Every structure is written in C-alpha cells, then in structure tokens.
Amino acid sequence: MDWWTKTKEFLSEVRTEMRKVSFPTRDEVVGTTIIVLITSVIFGIYLFAADRIIVWAYQGIVKVFG
C-alpha cells in the first residue's frame, strides 16, 4: 500500500501548489491573444513575400542559365 500513501501525498502537494498559481485576468488574456494574432499575421505576410521573391529569383535564374 506504499503507492497509496505516495498518491495521497502527491495529490496533497498538487493542491498546495495550485493555491500558489496566479491565473491571468480576462483583459490580460485578450491582450496577449491580440498580440499573438497580429504577430502571426505579420510573420505570415513576411514569409509569403519572402517565398514569392525566392520563387521569382529562382525562375529568373533558371531562365538565364537553363
């Protein structure tokens, strides 16, 4: 029954640690979510543009040397 004692001790420690957790407010969650979405869109546009430029350059090189 040693596993039972360890399990009870573990769950007790989990409860103690959960009391120490500070959860973000709704405003903090909304703010950081907006920042993540804006950053994702900016990186998406940047990567799209970089991909288009690389494809354009590659096609130009193939036309010249191919």
N, C-alpha and C. Protein backbone atom coordinates (compact mmCIF):
# COMPACT_ATOMS: atom_id res chain seq x y z
N MET A 1 0.81 -1.20 0.00
CA MET A 1 0.00 0.00 0.00
C MET A 1 0.85 1.26 0.00
N ASP A 2 2.13 1.13 -0.25
CA ASP A 2 3.01 2.30 -0.28
C ASP A 2 2.62 3.24 -1.40
N TRP A 3 2.12 2.71 -2.52
CA TRP A 3 1.71 3.55 -3.64
C TRP A 3 0.53 4.43 -3.23
N TRP A 4 -0.32 3.94 -2.35
CA TRP A 4 -1.48 4.72 -1.91
C TRP A 4 -1.01 5.93 -1.10
N THR A 5 -0.05 5.74 -0.25
CA THR A 5 0.49 6.85 0.55
C THR A 5 1.16 7.87 -0.35
N LYS A 6 1.93 7.40 -1.32
CA LYS A 6 2.60 8.30 -2.26
C LYS A 6 1.59 9.08 -3.10
N THR A 7 0.53 8.41 -3.49
CA THR A 7 -0.51 9.07 -4.29
C THR A 7 -1.19 10.16 -3.48
N LYS A 8 -1.54 9.87 -2.24
CA LYS A 8 -2.18 10.87 -1.38
C LYS A 8 -1.25 12.07 -1.16
N GLU A 9 0.02 11.77 -0.93
CA GLU A 9 1.00 12.84 -0.72
C GLU A 9 1.14 13.70 -1.98
N PHE A 10 1.20 13.04 -3.12
CA PHE A 10 1.31 13.76 -4.40
C PHE A 10 0.11 14.69 -4.61
N LEU A 11 -1.09 14.17 -4.41
CA LEU A 11 -2.29 14.98 -4.61
C LEU A 11 -2.36 16.14 -3.62
N SER A 12 -1.89 15.91 -2.41
CA SER A 12 -1.84 16.99 -1.42
C SER A 12 -0.88 18.08 -1.86
N GLU A 13 0.27 17.70 -2.40
CA GLU A 13 1.24 18.67 -2.90
C GLU A 13 0.71 19.42 -4.12
N VAL A 14 -0.02 18.71 -4.96
CA VAL A 14 -0.63 19.36 -6.13
C VAL A 14 -1.61 20.43 -5.68
N ARG A 15 -2.44 20.11 -4.69
CA ARG A 15 -3.40 21.09 -4.19
C ARG A 15 -2.68 22.31 -3.60
N THR A 16 -1.61 22.07 -2.87
CA THR A 16 -0.84 23.17 -2.28
C THR A 16 -0.25 24.06 -3.36
N GLU A 17 0.31 23.46 -4.39
CA GLU A 17 0.91 24.24 -5.48
C GLU A 17 -0.15 24.99 -6.29
N MET A 18 -1.31 24.39 -6.47
CA MET A 18 -2.37 25.04 -7.23
C MET A 18 -2.88 26.29 -6.52
N ARG A 19 -2.79 26.31 -5.22
CA ARG A 19 -3.19 27.50 -4.47
C ARG A 19 -2.23 28.66 -4.71
N LYS A 20 -0.99 28.35 -5.10
CA LYS A 20 0.01 29.38 -5.35
C LYS A 20 -0.07 29.96 -6.76
N VAL A 21 -0.81 29.30 -7.65
CA VAL A 21 -0.88 29.71 -9.04
C VAL A 21 -1.69 30.99 -9.17
N SER A 22 -1.18 31.92 -9.96
CA SER A 22 -1.95 33.13 -10.24
C SER A 22 -2.37 33.07 -11.71
N PHE A 23 -3.65 33.08 -11.95
CA PHE A 23 -4.17 32.99 -13.29
C PHE A 23 -4.32 34.39 -13.87
N PRO A 24 -4.12 34.55 -15.18
CA PRO A 24 -4.24 35.87 -15.79
C PRO A 24 -5.69 36.35 -15.80
N THR A 25 -5.85 37.66 -15.81
CA THR A 25 -7.19 38.22 -15.90
C THR A 25 -7.69 38.11 -17.34
N ARG A 26 -8.97 38.32 -17.52
CA ARG A 26 -9.55 38.26 -18.85
C ARG A 26 -8.90 39.30 -19.77
N ASP A 27 -8.67 40.50 -19.25
CA ASP A 27 -8.04 41.55 -20.06
C ASP A 27 -6.63 41.16 -20.51
N GLU A 28 -5.87 40.52 -19.63
CA GLU A 28 -4.52 40.07 -19.99
C GLU A 28 -4.58 39.00 -21.08
N VAL A 29 -5.52 38.09 -20.96
CA VAL A 29 -5.65 37.02 -21.97
C VAL A 29 -6.05 37.61 -23.32
N VAL A 30 -7.01 38.52 -23.31
CA VAL A 30 -7.45 39.15 -24.56
C VAL A 30 -6.30 39.95 -25.18
N GLY A 31 -5.57 40.70 -24.36
CA GLY A 31 -4.46 41.50 -24.86
C GLY A 31 -3.36 40.65 -25.48
N THR A 32 -2.96 39.61 -24.80
CA THR A 32 -1.88 38.77 -25.34
C THR A 32 -2.36 37.98 -26.56
N THR A 33 -3.63 37.61 -26.59
CA THR A 33 -4.17 36.90 -27.76
C THR A 33 -4.14 37.81 -28.98
N ILE A 34 -4.52 39.06 -28.80
CA ILE A 34 -4.48 40.02 -29.92
C ILE A 34 -3.06 40.21 -30.42
N ILE A 35 -2.12 40.31 -29.50
CA ILE A 35 -0.71 40.47 -29.89
C ILE A 35 -0.23 39.25 -30.68
N VAL A 36 -0.59 38.06 -30.23
CA VAL A 36 -0.20 36.83 -30.93
C VAL A 36 -0.80 36.80 -32.33
N LEU A 37 -2.08 37.16 -32.46
CA LEU A 37 -2.72 37.15 -33.77
C LEU A 37 -2.07 38.16 -34.72
N ILE A 38 -1.82 39.37 -34.24
CA ILE A 38 -1.19 40.39 -35.08
C ILE A 38 0.21 39.96 -35.50
N THR A 39 0.98 39.43 -34.55
CA THR A 39 2.33 38.96 -34.87
C THR A 39 2.29 37.82 -35.89
N SER A 40 1.34 36.91 -35.74
CA SER A 40 1.21 35.80 -36.69
C SER A 40 0.90 36.30 -38.09
N VAL A 41 0.01 37.28 -38.19
CA VAL A 41 -0.33 37.84 -39.50
C VAL A 41 0.90 38.53 -40.12
N ILE A 42 1.63 39.28 -39.32
CA ILE A 42 2.83 39.97 -39.83
C ILE A 42 3.86 38.96 -40.33
N PHE A 43 4.12 37.91 -39.53
CA PHE A 43 5.08 36.90 -39.97
C PHE A 43 4.57 36.15 -41.19
N GLY A 44 3.27 35.90 -41.26
CA GLY A 44 2.69 35.24 -42.43
C GLY A 44 2.89 36.05 -43.69
N ILE A 45 2.63 37.35 -43.60
CA ILE A 45 2.84 38.23 -44.75
C ILE A 45 4.31 38.27 -45.14
N TYR A 46 5.18 38.37 -44.14
CA TYR A 46 6.63 38.40 -44.41
C TYR A 46 7.08 37.11 -45.11
N LEU A 47 6.65 35.96 -44.59
CA LEU A 47 7.07 34.68 -45.17
C LEU A 47 6.48 34.49 -46.57
N PHE A 48 5.25 34.95 -46.78
CA PHE A 48 4.64 34.89 -48.11
C PHE A 48 5.46 35.72 -49.10
N ALA A 49 5.79 36.94 -48.70
CA ALA A 49 6.57 37.82 -49.57
C ALA A 49 7.96 37.23 -49.84
N ALA A 50 8.60 36.72 -48.81
CA ALA A 50 9.92 36.11 -48.99
C ALA A 50 9.85 34.92 -49.94
N ASP A 51 8.81 34.11 -49.81
CA ASP A 51 8.64 32.96 -50.69
C ASP A 51 8.43 33.40 -52.13
N ARG A 52 7.60 34.41 -52.33
CA ARG A 52 7.35 34.91 -53.69
C ARG A 52 8.65 35.45 -54.31
N ILE A 53 9.43 36.16 -53.53
CA ILE A 53 10.69 36.72 -54.03
C ILE A 53 11.67 35.60 -54.38
N ILE A 54 11.76 34.59 -53.54
CA ILE A 54 12.67 33.47 -53.81
C ILE A 54 12.23 32.72 -55.07
N VAL A 55 10.93 32.47 -55.21
CA VAL A 55 10.43 31.78 -56.41
C VAL A 55 10.71 32.62 -57.65
N TRP A 56 10.47 33.94 -57.57
CA TRP A 56 10.72 34.83 -58.69
C TRP A 56 12.20 34.81 -59.07
N ALA A 57 13.09 34.88 -58.07
CA ALA A 57 14.53 34.85 -58.33
C ALA A 57 14.95 33.51 -58.93
N TYR A 58 14.42 32.43 -58.40
CA TYR A 58 14.76 31.10 -58.90
C TYR A 58 14.33 30.95 -60.36
N GLN A 59 13.13 31.40 -60.67
CA GLN A 59 12.64 31.30 -62.05
C GLN A 59 13.48 32.17 -62.98
N GLY A 60 13.94 33.32 -62.50
CA GLY A 60 14.81 34.16 -63.30
C GLY A 60 16.15 33.49 -63.57
N ILE A 61 16.71 32.85 -62.56
CA ILE A 61 17.98 32.16 -62.72
C ILE A 61 17.83 30.99 -63.70
N VAL A 62 16.74 30.26 -63.58
CA VAL A 62 16.51 29.12 -64.48
C VAL A 62 16.36 29.60 -65.93
N LYS A 63 15.70 30.74 -66.13
CA LYS A 63 15.55 31.27 -67.49
C LYS A 63 16.89 31.67 -68.08
N VAL A 64 17.75 32.26 -67.25
CA VAL A 64 19.04 32.75 -67.74
C VAL A 64 19.99 31.58 -68.00
N PHE A 65 20.07 30.63 -67.06
CA PHE A 65 21.05 29.57 -67.16
C PHE A 65 20.46 28.23 -67.63
N GLY A 66 19.16 28.14 -67.74
CA GLY A 66 18.52 26.87 -68.08
C GLY A 66 18.25 26.76 -69.50
